Amino acid sequence: MSERLLQINFNFSVSSGEYEQAVNSLVDQFANLPGLMWKIWIMNENKKEAGGIYLFEDEASLNEFLTGSLAKTVTSHPALSNFSVKPFTIMHDLTEITQGPLENKLKV
């Protein structure tokens, strides 16, 4: 299997409510991103850190996202800084044993 996992973390300089309101306008763009199987949105309000864990169908889809307009929109936002972008391969055998959510849900 060729799925690729991506972890992105960054700091935000606005209130958590303002951050949530701002990213709410991007949810549909992420939901319709070619090759994205799913995304988990993460936030640590106390540390003003947020980001996501993404599962892409393959490395090409992951790279297309990283070089595309949606990633540029996020990384150029003035309220976001200190980006950490980490792509990973998946250890399928172990992930299956621990019931990791690797299946793709049907997009409606």
C-alpha atoms as a PDB file:
ATOM      1  CA  MET A   1       0.000   0.000   0.000  1.00  0.00           C
ATOM      2  CA  SER A   2       1.246   3.457  -0.808  1.00  0.00           C
ATOM      3  CA  GLU A   3      -0.713   5.724   1.540  1.00  0.00           C
ATOM      4  CA  ARG A   4       1.222   8.556   3.116  1.00  0.00           C
ATOM      5  CA  LEU A   5       0.565  10.224   6.438  1.00  0.00           C
ATOM      6  CA  LEU A   6       1.239  13.921   6.923  1.00  0.00           C
ATOM      7  CA  GLN A   7       1.508  15.753  10.240  1.00  0.00           C
ATOM      8  CA  ILE A   8       1.347  19.548  10.216  1.00  0.00           C
ATOM      9  CA  ASN A   9       1.608  21.664  13.356  1.00  0.00           C
ATOM     10  CA  PHE A  10       1.810  25.428  13.783  1.00  0.00           C
ATOM     11  CA  ASN A  11       1.177  28.203  16.286  1.00  0.00           C
ATOM     12  CA  PHE A  12      -1.724  30.631  16.017  1.00  0.00           C
ATOM     13  CA  SER A  13      -1.747  34.195  17.366  1.00  0.00           C
ATOM     14  CA  VAL A  14      -5.513  34.750  17.638  1.00  0.00           C
ATOM     15  CA  SER A  15      -8.054  33.361  20.089  1.00  0.00           C
ATOM     16  CA  SER A  16      -9.030  29.723  19.621  1.00  0.00           C
ATOM     17  CA  GLY A  17     -12.531  30.862  18.627  1.00  0.00           C
ATOM     18  CA  GLU A  18     -11.140  33.169  15.943  1.00  0.00           C
ATOM     19  CA  TYR A  19      -8.902  30.364  14.698  1.00  0.00           C
ATOM     20  CA  GLU A  20     -11.831  27.922  14.489  1.00  0.00           C
ATOM     21  CA  GLN A  21     -13.939  30.492  12.670  1.00  0.00           C
ATOM     22  CA  ALA A  22     -11.146  31.134  10.147  1.00  0.00           C
ATOM     23  CA  VAL A  23     -10.474  27.456   9.379  1.00  0.00           C
ATOM     24  CA  ASN A  24     -14.183  26.709   9.151  1.00  0.00           C
ATOM     25  CA  SER A  25     -14.133  28.497   5.809  1.00  0.00           C
ATOM     26  CA  LEU A  26     -11.529  25.977   4.534  1.00  0.00           C
ATOM     27  CA  VAL A  27     -13.261  22.737   5.586  1.00  0.00           C
ATOM     28  CA  ASP A  28     -14.966  22.116   2.230  1.00  0.00           C
ATOM     29  CA  GLN A  29     -11.713  22.711   0.351  1.00  0.00           C
ATOM     30  CA  PHE A  30      -9.990  20.086   2.488  1.00  0.00           C
ATOM     31  CA  ALA A  31     -12.943  17.696   2.168  1.00  0.00           C
ATOM     32  CA  ASN A  32     -12.665  17.868  -1.629  1.00  0.00           C
ATOM     33  CA  LEU A  33      -8.873  17.733  -1.853  1.00  0.00           C
ATOM     34  CA  PRO A  34      -7.820  15.183  -4.495  1.00  0.00           C
ATOM     35  CA  GLY A  35      -6.154  12.144  -2.939  1.00  0.00           C
ATOM     36  CA  LEU A  36      -7.020  13.059   0.669  1.00  0.00           C
ATOM     37  CA  MET A  37      -8.636  10.090   2.392  1.00  0.00           C
ATOM     38  CA  TRP A  38      -9.212  11.907   5.689  1.00  0.00           C
ATOM     39  CA  LYS A  39      -7.960  14.695   7.922  1.00  0.00           C
ATOM     40  CA  ILE A  40      -8.043  14.969  11.699  1.00  0.00           C
ATOM     41  CA  TRP A  41      -8.050  18.565  12.937  1.00  0.00           C
ATOM     42  CA  ILE A  42      -6.019  19.099  16.131  1.00  0.00           C
ATOM     43  CA  MET A  43      -5.644  21.982  18.583  1.00  0.00           C
ATOM     44  CA  ASN A  44      -3.918  22.636  21.905  1.00  0.00           C
ATOM     45  CA  GLU A  45      -5.589  25.819  23.146  1.00  0.00           C
ATOM     46  CA  ASN A  46      -3.185  26.305  26.065  1.00  0.00           C
ATOM     47  CA  LYS A  47      -0.133  26.311  23.793  1.00  0.00           C
ATOM     48  CA  LYS A  48      -1.926  28.087  20.919  1.00  0.00           C
ATOM     49  CA  GLU A  49      -0.894  25.249  18.633  1.00  0.00           C
ATOM     50  CA  ALA A  50      -3.010  23.598  15.956  1.00  0.00           C
ATOM     51  CA  GLY A  51      -2.671  21.523  12.831  1.00  0.00           C
ATOM     52  CA  GLY A  52      -3.767  18.269  11.339  1.00  0.00           C
ATOM     53  CA  ILE A  53      -3.049  14.643  10.665  1.00  0.00           C
ATOM     54  CA  TYR A  54      -3.764  13.728   7.042  1.00  0.00           C
ATOM     55  CA  LEU A  55      -3.961  10.429   5.198  1.00  0.00           C
ATOM     56  CA  PHE A  56      -3.267  10.671   1.469  1.00  0.00           C
ATOM     57  CA  GLU A  57      -3.766   7.912  -1.101  1.00  0.00           C
ATOM     58  CA  ASP A  58      -0.164   8.200  -2.244  1.00  0.00           C
ATOM     59  CA  GLU A  59       2.957  10.340  -2.196  1.00  0.00           C
ATOM     60  CA  ALA A  60       1.955  12.172  -5.376  1.00  0.00           C
ATOM     61  CA  SER A  61      -1.296  13.383  -3.753  1.00  0.00           C
ATOM     62  CA  LEU A  62       0.583  14.490  -0.631  1.00  0.00           C
ATOM     63  CA  ASN A  63       3.134  16.413  -2.711  1.00  0.00           C
ATOM     64  CA  GLU A  64       0.395  17.975  -4.839  1.00  0.00           C
ATOM     65  CA  PHE A  65      -1.243  19.284  -1.663  1.00  0.00           C
ATOM     66  CA  LEU A  66       2.042  20.635  -0.263  1.00  0.00           C
ATOM     67  CA  THR A  67       2.797  22.555  -3.463  1.00  0.00           C
ATOM     68  CA  GLY A  68      -0.797  23.616  -4.143  1.00  0.00           C
ATOM     69  CA  SER A  69      -2.845  26.712  -3.473  1.00  0.00           C
ATOM     70  CA  LEU A  70      -4.605  25.422  -0.330  1.00  0.00           C
ATOM     71  CA  ALA A  71      -1.312  24.789   1.482  1.00  0.00           C
ATOM     72  CA  LYS A  72      -0.066  28.212   0.357  1.00  0.00           C
ATOM     73  CA  THR A  73      -3.248  29.824   1.718  1.00  0.00           C
ATOM     74  CA  VAL A  74      -2.678  28.235   5.127  1.00  0.00           C
ATOM     75  CA  THR A  75       1.085  28.798   5.379  1.00  0.00           C
ATOM     76  CA  SER A  76       0.849  32.437   4.295  1.00  0.00           C
ATOM     77  CA  HIS A  77      -1.831  33.386   6.843  1.00  0.00           C
ATOM     78  CA  PRO A  78      -0.464  36.172   9.086  1.00  0.00           C
ATOM     79  CA  ALA A  79      -1.918  34.634  12.284  1.00  0.00           C
ATOM     80  CA  LEU A  80      -0.044  31.332  11.769  1.00  0.00           C
ATOM     81  CA  SER A  81       3.655  30.662  12.346  1.00  0.00           C
ATOM     82  CA  ASN A  82       6.289  28.069  13.273  1.00  0.00           C
ATOM     83  CA  PHE A  83       5.128  25.412  10.827  1.00  0.00           C
ATOM     84  CA  SER A  84       6.277  21.820  11.215  1.00  0.00           C
ATOM     85  CA  VAL A  85       5.488  19.657   8.165  1.00  0.00           C
ATOM     86  CA  LYS A  86       6.346  15.963   8.508  1.00  0.00           C
ATOM     87  CA  PRO A  87       5.454  13.281   5.953  1.00  0.00           C
ATOM     88  CA  PHE A  88       5.548   9.640   7.082  1.00  0.00           C
ATOM     89  CA  THR A  89       5.165   6.159   5.667  1.00  0.00           C
ATOM     90  CA  ILE A  90       2.763   3.882   7.521  1.00  0.00           C
ATOM     91  CA  MET A  91       3.707   0.691   9.312  1.00  0.00           C
ATOM     92  CA  HIS A  92       0.643  -1.231   8.094  1.00  0.00           C
ATOM     93  CA  ASP A  93       1.051  -4.509   9.995  1.00  0.00           C
ATOM     94  CA  LEU A  94       1.342  -2.837  13.384  1.00  0.00           C
ATOM     95  CA  THR A  95      -1.308  -0.229  12.582  1.00  0.00           C
ATOM     96  CA  GLU A  96      -3.785  -2.957  11.660  1.00  0.00           C
ATOM     97  CA  ILE A  97      -3.213  -4.710  14.999  1.00  0.00           C
ATOM     98  CA  THR A  98      -3.904  -1.485  16.895  1.00  0.00           C
ATOM     99  CA  GLN A  99      -6.946  -0.730  14.699  1.00  0.00           C
ATOM    100  CA  GLY A 100      -5.574   2.431  13.090  1.00  0.00           C
ATOM    101  CA  PRO A 101      -8.151   4.173  10.869  1.00  0.00           C
ATOM    102  CA  LEU A 102      -6.577   3.566   7.472  1.00  0.00           C
ATOM    103  CA  GLU A 103      -9.697   2.740   5.486  1.00  0.00           C
ATOM    104  CA  ASN A 104     -11.126   5.384   3.188  1.00  0.00           C
ATOM    105  CA  LYS A 105     -14.676   6.409   3.943  1.00  0.00           C
ATOM    106  CA  LEU A 106     -16.897   7.098   0.973  1.00  0.00           C
ATOM    107  CA  LYS A 107     -17.115  10.777   0.124  1.00  0.00           C
ATOM    108  CA  VAL A 108     -20.694  11.797  -0.533  1.00  0.00           C
END
